[in-house]
């Protein structure tokens, strides 16, 4: 009886965790080109932030405020263009 109660408790806990976890998160695409200058970022750059599905790295401290001032639509457009260019470079 105790084994059965314990087993049901464990099973319930596992199901609750699975329900809370939800679907797998979308994979983040790391970009190694500064969205403001278009130059390759060396090393860690001056930090990074996640914007949508992209992890954006900046070449210098001045680029992040400029990027933050862009509209959401302009940010997404720049990042999609950079991702496309970086994917093309990897293929060749």
PDB file of N, CA and C in Angstrom:
ATOM      1  N   UNK A   1       0.809  -1.192   0.000  1.00  0.00           N
ATOM      2  CA  UNK A   1       0.000   0.000   0.000  1.00  0.00           C
ATOM      3  C   UNK A   1       0.859   1.264   0.000  1.00  0.00           C
ATOM      4  N   UNK A   2       1.906   1.258   0.831  1.00  0.00           N
ATOM      5  CA  UNK A   2       2.794   2.416   0.902  1.00  0.00           C
ATOM      6  C   UNK A   2       3.549   2.573  -0.412  1.00  0.00           C
ATOM      7  N   UNK A   3       4.008   1.461  -0.981  1.00  0.00           N
ATOM      8  CA  UNK A   3       4.708   1.516  -2.268  1.00  0.00           C
ATOM      9  C   UNK A   3       3.819   2.135  -3.342  1.00  0.00           C
ATOM     10  N   UNK A   4       2.580   1.711  -3.353  1.00  0.00           N
ATOM     11  CA  UNK A   4       1.654   2.213  -4.374  1.00  0.00           C
ATOM     12  C   UNK A   4       1.427   3.715  -4.194  1.00  0.00           C
ATOM     13  N   UNK A   5       1.237   4.154  -2.972  1.00  0.00           N
ATOM     14  CA  UNK A   5       1.034   5.583  -2.700  1.00  0.00           C
ATOM     15  C   UNK A   5       2.279   6.380  -3.093  1.00  0.00           C
ATOM     16  N   UNK A   6       3.447   5.835  -2.767  1.00  0.00           N
ATOM     17  CA  UNK A   6       4.690   6.500  -3.128  1.00  0.00           C
ATOM     18  C   UNK A   6       4.844   6.588  -4.651  1.00  0.00           C
ATOM     19  N   UNK A   7       4.549   5.500  -5.317  1.00  0.00           N
ATOM     20  CA  UNK A   7       4.642   5.469  -6.783  1.00  0.00           C
ATOM     21  C   UNK A   7       3.710   6.467  -7.432  1.00  0.00           C
ATOM     22  N   UNK A   8       2.497   6.554  -6.924  1.00  0.00           N
ATOM     23  CA  UNK A   8       1.539   7.514  -7.471  1.00  0.00           C
ATOM     24  C   UNK A   8       1.978   8.956  -7.198  1.00  0.00           C
ATOM     25  N   UNK A   9       2.581   9.186  -6.059  1.00  0.00           N
ATOM     26  CA  UNK A   9       3.092  10.524  -5.725  1.00  0.00           C
ATOM     27  C   UNK A   9       4.212  10.920  -6.690  1.00  0.00           C
ATOM     28  N   UNK A  10       5.122  10.002  -6.913  1.00  0.00           N
ATOM     29  CA  UNK A  10       6.237  10.272  -7.841  1.00  0.00           C
ATOM     30  C   UNK A  10       5.702  10.514  -9.245  1.00  0.00           C
ATOM     31  N   UNK A  11       4.792   9.678  -9.694  1.00  0.00           N
ATOM     32  CA  UNK A  11       4.202   9.821 -11.024  1.00  0.00           C
ATOM     33  C   UNK A  11       3.488  11.166 -11.151  1.00  0.00           C
ATOM     34  N   UNK A  12       2.742  11.546 -10.151  1.00  0.00           N
ATOM     35  CA  UNK A  12       2.042  12.834 -10.162  1.00  0.00           C
ATOM     36  C   UNK A  12       3.010  13.996 -10.227  1.00  0.00           C
ATOM     37  N   UNK A  13       4.102  13.889  -9.491  1.00  0.00           N
ATOM     38  CA  UNK A  13       5.116  14.941  -9.507  1.00  0.00           C
ATOM     39  C   UNK A  13       5.756  15.073 -10.883  1.00  0.00           C
ATOM     40  N   UNK A  14       6.066  13.950 -11.501  1.00  0.00           N
ATOM     41  CA  UNK A  14       6.670  13.973 -12.836  1.00  0.00           C
ATOM     42  C   UNK A  14       5.716  14.573 -13.861  1.00  0.00           C
ATOM     43  N   UNK A  15       4.457  14.221 -13.790  1.00  0.00           N
ATOM     44  CA  UNK A  15       3.478  14.779 -14.721  1.00  0.00           C
ATOM     45  C   UNK A  15       3.302  16.280 -14.520  1.00  0.00           C
ATOM     46  N   UNK A  16       3.311  16.722 -13.271  1.00  0.00           N
ATOM     47  CA  UNK A  16       3.182  18.152 -12.980  1.00  0.00           C
ATOM     48  C   UNK A  16       4.380  18.920 -13.538  1.00  0.00           C
ATOM     49  N   UNK A  17       5.571  18.385 -13.375  1.00  0.00           N
ATOM     50  CA  UNK A  17       6.778  19.034 -13.915  1.00  0.00           C
ATOM     51  C   UNK A  17       6.726  19.101 -15.434  1.00  0.00           C
ATOM     52  N   UNK A  18       6.298  18.044 -16.062  1.00  0.00           N
ATOM     53  CA  UNK A  18       6.211  18.024 -17.522  1.00  0.00           C
ATOM     54  C   UNK A  18       5.188  19.047 -18.010  1.00  0.00           C
ATOM     55  N   UNK A  19       4.093  19.194 -17.308  1.00  0.00           N
ATOM     56  CA  UNK A  19       3.059  20.152 -17.700  1.00  0.00           C
ATOM     57  C   UNK A  19       3.562  21.584 -17.549  1.00  0.00           C
ATOM     58  N   UNK A  20       4.317  21.855 -16.495  1.00  0.00           N
ATOM     59  CA  UNK A  20       4.848  23.199 -16.279  1.00  0.00           C
ATOM     60  C   UNK A  20       5.963  23.552 -17.247  1.00  0.00           C
ATOM     61  N   UNK A  21       6.695  22.559 -17.698  1.00  0.00           N
ATOM     62  CA  UNK A  21       7.822  22.804 -18.595  1.00  0.00           C
ATOM     63  C   UNK A  21       7.348  23.344 -19.935  1.00  0.00           C
ATOM     64  N   UNK A  22       6.216  22.897 -20.425  1.00  0.00           N
ATOM     65  CA  UNK A  22       5.681  23.380 -21.690  1.00  0.00           C
ATOM     66  C   UNK A  22       6.489  22.882 -22.866  1.00  0.00           C
ATOM     67  N   UNK A  23       6.228  23.461 -24.041  1.00  0.00           N
ATOM     68  CA  UNK A  23       6.943  23.035 -25.243  1.00  0.00           C
ATOM     69  C   UNK A  23       8.402  23.477 -25.192  1.00  0.00           C
ATOM     70  N   UNK A  24       9.281  22.821 -25.932  1.00  0.00           N
ATOM     71  CA  UNK A  24      10.682  23.222 -25.924  1.00  0.00           C
ATOM     72  C   UNK A  24      10.839  24.636 -26.483  1.00  0.00           C
ATOM     73  N   UNK A  25      11.762  25.369 -25.905  1.00  0.00           N
ATOM     74  CA  UNK A  25      12.010  26.747 -26.335  1.00  0.00           C
ATOM     75  C   UNK A  25      12.642  26.768 -27.725  1.00  0.00           C
ATOM     76  N   UNK A  26      12.374  27.839 -28.442  1.00  0.00           N
ATOM     77  CA  UNK A  26      12.957  28.008 -29.767  1.00  0.00           C
ATOM     78  C   UNK A  26      14.457  28.247 -29.614  1.00  0.00           C
ATOM     79  N   UNK A  27      15.229  27.656 -30.485  1.00  0.00           N
ATOM     80  CA  UNK A  27      16.676  27.788 -30.413  1.00  0.00           C
ATOM     81  C   UNK A  27      17.098  29.223 -30.736  1.00  0.00           C
ATOM     82  N   UNK A  28      17.995  29.764 -29.923  1.00  0.00           N
ATOM     83  CA  UNK A  28      18.505  31.108 -30.145  1.00  0.00           C
ATOM     84  C   UNK A  28      19.642  31.052 -31.157  1.00  0.00           C
ATOM     85  N   UNK A  29      19.613  31.957 -32.123  1.00  0.00           N
ATOM     86  CA  UNK A  29      20.639  32.034 -33.160  1.00  0.00           C
ATOM     87  C   UNK A  29      21.619  33.136 -32.767  1.00  0.00           C
ATOM     88  N   UNK A  30      22.874  32.764 -32.536  1.00  0.00           N
ATOM     89  CA  UNK A  30      23.903  33.730 -32.161  1.00  0.00           C
ATOM     90  C   UNK A  30      24.441  34.411 -33.411  1.00  0.00           C
ATOM     91  N   UNK A  31      24.393  35.741 -33.413  1.00  0.00           N
ATOM     92  CA  UNK A  31      24.928  36.523 -34.527  1.00  0.00           C
ATOM     93  C   UNK A  31      26.273  37.110 -34.112  1.00  0.00           C
ATOM     94  N   UNK A  32      27.241  37.032 -35.006  1.00  0.00           N
ATOM     95  CA  UNK A  32      28.585  37.516 -34.711  1.00  0.00           C
ATOM     96  C   UNK A  32      28.940  38.727 -35.555  1.00  0.00           C
ATOM     97  N   UNK A  33      27.915  39.464 -35.988  1.00  0.00           N
ATOM     98  CA  UNK A  33      28.088  40.684 -36.766  1.00  0.00           C
ATOM     99  C   UNK A  33      27.324  41.784 -36.048  1.00  0.00           C
ATOM    100  N   UNK A  34      27.961  42.919 -35.855  1.00  0.00           N
ATOM    101  CA  UNK A  34      27.303  44.042 -35.188  1.00  0.00           C
ATOM    102  C   UNK A  34      26.169  44.544 -36.084  1.00  0.00           C
ATOM    103  N   UNK A  35      24.965  44.686 -35.555  1.00  0.00           N
ATOM    104  CA  UNK A  35      23.846  45.120 -36.387  1.00  0.00           C
ATOM    105  C   UNK A  35      23.932  46.581 -36.816  1.00  0.00           C
ATOM    106  N   UNK A  36      24.752  47.371 -36.148  1.00  0.00           N
ATOM    107  CA  UNK A  36      24.842  48.790 -36.495  1.00  0.00           C
ATOM    108  C   UNK A  36      25.958  49.082 -37.485  1.00  0.00           C
ATOM    109  N   UNK A  37      27.100  48.422 -37.344  1.00  0.00           N
ATOM    110  CA  UNK A  37      28.225  48.700 -38.240  1.00  0.00           C
ATOM    111  C   UNK A  37      28.350  47.674 -39.352  1.00  0.00           C
ATOM    112  N   UNK A  38      27.803  46.492 -39.137  1.00  0.00           N
ATOM    113  CA  UNK A  38      27.929  45.418 -40.116  1.00  0.00           C
ATOM    114  C   UNK A  38      29.277  44.725 -40.061  1.00  0.00           C
ATOM    115  N   UNK A  39      30.082  45.061 -39.063  1.00  0.00           N
ATOM    116  CA  UNK A  39      31.413  44.475 -38.920  1.00  0.00           C
ATOM    117  C   UNK A  39      31.359  43.229 -38.044  1.00  0.00           C
ATOM    118  N   UNK A  40      32.286  42.311 -38.308  1.00  0.00           N
ATOM    119  CA  UNK A  40      32.389  41.108 -37.485  1.00  0.00           C
ATOM    120  C   UNK A  40      32.791  41.505 -36.067  1.00  0.00           C
ATOM    121  N   UNK A  41      32.156  40.882 -35.089  1.00  0.00           N
ATOM    122  CA  UNK A  41      32.459  41.167 -33.687  1.00  0.00           C
ATOM    123  C   UNK A  41      33.536  40.202 -33.236  1.00  0.00           C
ATOM    124  N   UNK A  42      34.591  40.743 -32.673  1.00  0.00           N
ATOM    125  CA  UNK A  42      35.711  39.918 -32.202  1.00  0.00           C
ATOM    126  C   UNK A  42      35.492  39.574 -30.735  1.00  0.00           C
ATOM    127  N   UNK A  43      35.703  38.316 -30.416  1.00  0.00           N
ATOM    128  CA  UNK A  43      35.564  37.858 -29.033  1.00  0.00           C
ATOM    129  C   UNK A  43      34.157  38.048 -28.518  1.00  0.00           C
ATOM    130  N   UNK A  44      34.032  38.558 -27.315  1.00  0.00           N
ATOM    131  CA  UNK A  44      32.737  38.768 -26.672  1.00  0.00           C
ATOM    132  C   UNK A  44      32.103  40.100 -27.062  1.00  0.00           C
ATOM    133  N   UNK A  45      32.854  40.962 -27.749  1.00  0.00           N
ATOM    134  CA  UNK A  45      32.329  42.281 -28.080  1.00  0.00           C
ATOM    135  C   UNK A  45      32.111  43.072 -26.802  1.00  0.00           C
ATOM    136  N   UNK A  46      31.093  43.919 -26.803  1.00  0.00           N
ATOM    137  CA  UNK A  46      30.791  44.702 -25.600  1.00  0.00           C
ATOM    138  C   UNK A  46      29.527  44.215 -24.930  1.00  0.00           C
ATOM    139  N   UNK A  47      29.242  42.958 -25.094  1.00  0.00           N
ATOM    140  CA  UNK A  47      28.066  42.388 -24.462  1.00  0.00           C
ATOM    141  C   UNK A  47      27.072  41.916 -25.501  1.00  0.00           C
ATOM    142  N   UNK A  48      26.064  41.238 -25.024  1.00  0.00           N
ATOM    143  CA  UNK A  48      25.068  40.675 -25.927  1.00  0.00           C
ATOM    144  C   UNK A  48      23.699  40.762 -25.280  1.00  0.00           C
ATOM    145  N   UNK A  49      22.686  40.700 -26.111  1.00  0.00           N
ATOM    146  CA  UNK A  49      21.314  40.646 -25.625  1.00  0.00           C
ATOM    147  C   UNK A  49      20.507  39.776 -26.575  1.00  0.00           C
ATOM    148  N   UNK A  50      19.444  39.207 -26.072  1.00  0.00           N
ATOM    149  CA  UNK A  50      18.580  38.361 -26.893  1.00  0.00           C
ATOM    150  C   UNK A  50      17.417  39.210 -27.383  1.00  0.00           C
ATOM    151  N   UNK A  51      17.254  39.229 -28.689  1.00  0.00           N
ATOM    152  CA  UNK A  51      16.154  39.956 -29.319  1.00  0.00           C
ATOM    153  C   UNK A  51      15.399  38.944 -30.172  1.00  0.00           C
ATOM    154  N   UNK A  52      14.213  38.569 -29.717  1.00  0.00           N
ATOM    155  CA  UNK A  52      13.460  37.544 -30.430  1.00  0.00           C
ATOM    156  C   UNK A  52      14.214  36.234 -30.393  1.00  0.00           C
ATOM    157  N   UNK A  53      14.507  35.688 -31.573  1.00  0.00           N
ATOM    158  CA  UNK A  53      15.230  34.420 -31.634  1.00  0.00           C
ATOM    159  C   UNK A  53      16.724  34.606 -31.864  1.00  0.00           C
ATOM    160  N   UNK A  54      17.192  35.851 -31.798  1.00  0.00           N
ATOM    161  CA  UNK A  54      18.603  36.140 -32.067  1.00  0.00           C
ATOM    162  C   UNK A  54      19.340  36.603 -30.815  1.00  0.00           C
ATOM    163  N   UNK A  55      20.574  36.124 -30.663  1.00  0.00           N
ATOM    164  CA  UNK A  55      21.470  36.643 -29.630  1.00  0.00           C
ATOM    165  C   UNK A  55      22.386  37.633 -30.350  1.00  0.00           C
ATOM    166  N   UNK A  56      22.226  38.894 -30.036  1.00  0.00           N
ATOM    167  CA  UNK A  56      22.914  39.974 -30.736  1.00  0.00           C
ATOM    168  C   UNK A  56      24.139  40.402 -29.938  1.00  0.00           C
ATOM    169  N   UNK A  57      25.279  40.522 -30.619  1.00  0.00           N
ATOM    170  CA  UNK A  57      26.508  40.991 -30.001  1.00  0.00           C
ATOM    171  C   UNK A  57      26.914  42.302 -30.674  1.00  0.00           C
ATOM    172  N   UNK A  58      27.372  43.258 -29.880  1.00  0.00           N
ATOM    173  CA  UNK A  58      27.742  44.579 -30.397  1.00  0.00           C
ATOM    174  C   UNK A  58      29.250  44.748 -30.388  1.00  0.00           C
ATOM    175  N   UNK A  59      29.764  45.493 -31.374  1.00  0.00           N
ATOM    176  CA  UNK A  59      31.214  45.666 -31.503  1.00  0.00           C
ATOM    177  C   UNK A  59      31.764  46.690 -30.520  1.00  0.00           C
ATOM    178  N   UNK A  60      30.944  47.688 -30.160  1.00  0.00           N
ATOM    179  CA  UNK A  60      31.411  48.713 -29.232  1.00  0.00           C
ATOM    180  C   UNK A  60      30.251  49.213 -28.383  1.00  0.00           C
ATOM    181  N   UNK A  61      30.566  49.966 -27.355  1.00  0.00           N
ATOM    182  CA  UNK A  61      29.540  50.442 -26.416  1.00  0.00           C
ATOM    183  C   UNK A  61      28.571  51.424 -27.074  1.00  0.00           C
ATOM    184  N   UNK A  62      28.973  52.087 -28.135  1.00  0.00           N
ATOM    185  CA  UNK A  62      28.106  53.064 -28.788  1.00  0.00           C
ATOM    186  C   UNK A  62      27.016  52.450 -29.644  1.00  0.00           C
ATOM    187  N   UNK A  63      27.183  51.203 -30.037  1.00  0.00           N
ATOM    188  CA  UNK A  63      26.213  50.577 -30.946  1.00  0.00           C
ATOM    189  C   UNK A  63      24.933  50.124 -30.240  1.00  0.00           C
ATOM    190  N   UNK A  64      25.027  49.699 -29.006  1.00  0.00           N
ATOM    191  CA  UNK A  64      23.834  49.208 -28.313  1.00  0.00           C
ATOM    192  C   UNK A  64      22.773  50.294 -28.157  1.00  0.00           C
ATOM    193  N   UNK A  65      23.112  51.508 -27.709  1.00  0.00           N
ATOM    194  CA  UNK A  65      22.075  52.543 -27.600  1.00  0.00           C
ATOM    195  C   UNK A  65      21.451  52.889 -28.959  1.00  0.00           C
ATOM    196  N   UNK A  66      22.256  52.866 -30.008  1.00  0.00           N
ATOM    197  CA  UNK A  66      21.724  53.134 -31.351  1.00  0.00           C
ATOM    198  C   UNK A  66      20.734  52.047 -31.751  1.00  0.00           C
ATOM    199  N   UNK A  67      21.088  50.806 -31.452  1.00  0.00           N
ATOM    200  CA  UNK A  67      20.222  49.683 -31.773  1.00  0.00           C
ATOM    201  C   UNK A  67      18.925  49.760 -30.959  1.00  0.00           C
ATOM    202  N   UNK A  68      19.035  50.098 -29.694  1.00  0.00           N
ATOM    203  CA  UNK A  68      17.867  50.199 -28.825  1.00  0.00           C
ATOM    204  C   UNK A  68      16.892  51.278 -29.310  1.00  0.00           C
ATOM    205  N   UNK A  69      17.398  52.306 -29.992  1.00  0.00           N
ATOM    206  CA  UNK A  69      16.564  53.394 -30.482  1.00  0.00           C
ATOM    207  C   UNK A  69      15.748  53.003 -31.721  1.00  0.00           C
ATOM    208  N   UNK A  70      16.102  51.893 -32.368  1.00  0.00           N
ATOM    209  CA  UNK A  70      15.381  51.446 -33.556  1.00  0.00           C
ATOM    210  C   UNK A  70      14.006  50.898 -33.185  1.00  0.00           C
ATOM    211  N   UNK A  71      13.095  50.944 -34.135  1.00  0.00           N
ATOM    212  CA  UNK A  71      11.780  50.328 -33.913  1.00  0.00           C
ATOM    213  C   UNK A  71      11.935  48.813 -33.923  1.00  0.00           C
ATOM    214  N   UNK A  72      10.950  48.120 -33.389  1.00  0.00           N
ATOM    215  CA  UNK A  72      10.986  46.657 -33.355  1.00  0.00           C
ATOM    216  C   UNK A  72      11.088  46.100 -34.773  1.00  0.00           C
ATOM    217  N   UNK A  73      10.356  46.695 -35.696  1.00  0.00           N
ATOM    218  CA  UNK A  73      10.361  46.246 -37.089  1.00  0.00           C
ATOM    219  C   UNK A  73      11.759  46.408 -37.706  1.00  0.00           C
ATOM    220  N   UNK A  74      12.410  47.545 -37.450  1.00  0.00           N
ATOM    221  CA  UNK A  74      13.753  47.780 -37.995  1.00  0.00           C
ATOM    222  C   UNK A  74      14.779  46.825 -37.389  1.00  0.00           C
ATOM    223  N   UNK A  75      14.641  46.556 -36.078  1.00  0.00           N
ATOM    224  CA  UNK A  75      15.551  45.610 -35.424  1.00  0.00           C
ATOM    225  C   UNK A  75      15.423  44.230 -36.068  1.00  0.00           C
ATOM    226  N   UNK A  76      14.189  43.765 -36.212  1.00  0.00           N
ATOM    227  CA  UNK A  76      13.952  42.437 -36.787  1.00  0.00           C
ATOM    228  C   UNK A  76      14.484  42.351 -38.213  1.00  0.00           C
ATOM    229  N   UNK A  77      14.308  43.409 -38.983  1.00  0.00           N
ATOM    230  CA  UNK A  77      14.783  43.434 -40.370  1.00  0.00           C
ATOM    231  C   UNK A  77      16.314  43.331 -40.414  1.00  0.00           C
ATOM    232  N   UNK A  78      16.993  44.145 -39.604  1.00  0.00           N
ATOM    233  CA  UNK A  78      18.466  44.110 -39.567  1.00  0.00           C
ATOM    234  C   UNK A  78      18.972  42.731 -39.158  1.00  0.00           C
ATOM    235  N   UNK A  79      18.370  42.168 -38.123  1.00  0.00           N
ATOM    236  CA  UNK A  79      18.838  40.882 -37.608  1.00  0.00           C
ATOM    237  C   UNK A  79      18.590  39.753 -38.602  1.00  0.00           C
ATOM    238  N   UNK A  80      17.471  39.795 -39.291  1.00  0.00           N
ATOM    239  CA  UNK A  80      17.185  38.772 -40.299  1.00  0.00           C
ATOM    240  C   UNK A  80      18.187  38.855 -41.453  1.00  0.00           C
ATOM    241  N   UNK A  81      18.539  40.079 -41.854  1.00  0.00           N
ATOM    242  CA  UNK A  81      19.534  40.255 -42.929  1.00  0.00           C
ATOM    243  C   UNK A  81      20.898  39.717 -42.499  1.00  0.00           C
ATOM    244  N   UNK A  82      21.298  40.020 -41.288  1.00  0.00           N
ATOM    245  CA  UNK A  82      22.593  39.546 -40.774  1.00  0.00           C
ATOM    246  C   UNK A  82      22.590  38.019 -40.692  1.00  0.00           C
ATOM    247  N   UNK A  83      21.511  37.441 -40.188  1.00  0.00           N
ATOM    248  CA  UNK A  83      21.425  35.981 -40.073  1.00  0.00           C
ATOM    249  C   UNK A  83      21.533  35.334 -41.451  1.00  0.00           C
ATOM    250  N   UNK A  84      20.892  35.923 -42.436  1.00  0.00           N
ATOM    251  CA  UNK A  84      20.940  35.392 -43.802  1.00  0.00           C
ATOM    252  C   UNK A  84      22.368  35.447 -44.352  1.00  0.00           C
ATOM    253  N   UNK A  85      23.062  36.570 -44.135  1.00  0.00           N
ATOM    254  CA  UNK A  85      24.442  36.720 -44.606  1.00  0.00           C
ATOM    255  C   UNK A  85      25.379  35.734 -43.900  1.00  0.00           C
ATOM    256  N   UNK A  86      25.207  35.589 -42.593  1.00  0.00           N
ATOM    257  CA  UNK A  86      26.078  34.663 -41.850  1.00  0.00           C
ATOM    258  C   UNK A  86      25.823  33.220 -42.272  1.00  0.00           C
ATOM    259  N   UNK A  87      24.578  32.865 -42.549  1.00  0.00           N
ATOM    260  CA  UNK A  87      24.269  31.501 -42.999  1.00  0.00           C
ATOM    261  C   UNK A  87      24.883  31.255 -44.368  1.00  0.00           C
ATOM    262  N   UNK A  88      24.858  32.249 -45.247  1.00  0.00           N
ATOM    263  CA  UNK A  88      25.450  32.106 -46.580  1.00  0.00           C
ATOM    264  C   UNK A  88      26.966  31.919 -46.494  1.00  0.00           C
ATOM    265  N   UNK A  89      27.613  32.629 -45.557  1.00  0.00           N
ATOM    266  CA  UNK A  89      29.060  32.492 -45.372  1.00  0.00           C
ATOM    267  C   UNK A  89      29.422  31.095 -44.894  1.00  0.00           C
ATOM    268  N   UNK A  90      28.602  30.551 -44.003  1.00  0.00           N
ATOM    269  CA  UNK A  90      28.873  29.206 -43.466  1.00  0.00           C
ATOM    270  C   UNK A  90      28.760  28.145 -44.540  1.00  0.00           C
ATOM    271  N   UNK A  91      27.847  28.341 -45.488  1.00  0.00           N
ATOM    272  CA  UNK A  91      27.640  27.359 -46.559  1.00  0.00           C
ATOM    273  C   UNK A  91      28.776  27.358 -47.561  1.00  0.00           C
ATOM    274  N   UNK A  92      29.400  28.524 -47.751  1.00  0.00           N
ATOM    275  CA  UNK A  92      30.468  28.591 -48.771  1.00  0.00           C
ATOM    276  C   UNK A  92      31.829  28.309 -48.228  1.00  0.00           C
TER     277      UNK A  92
END
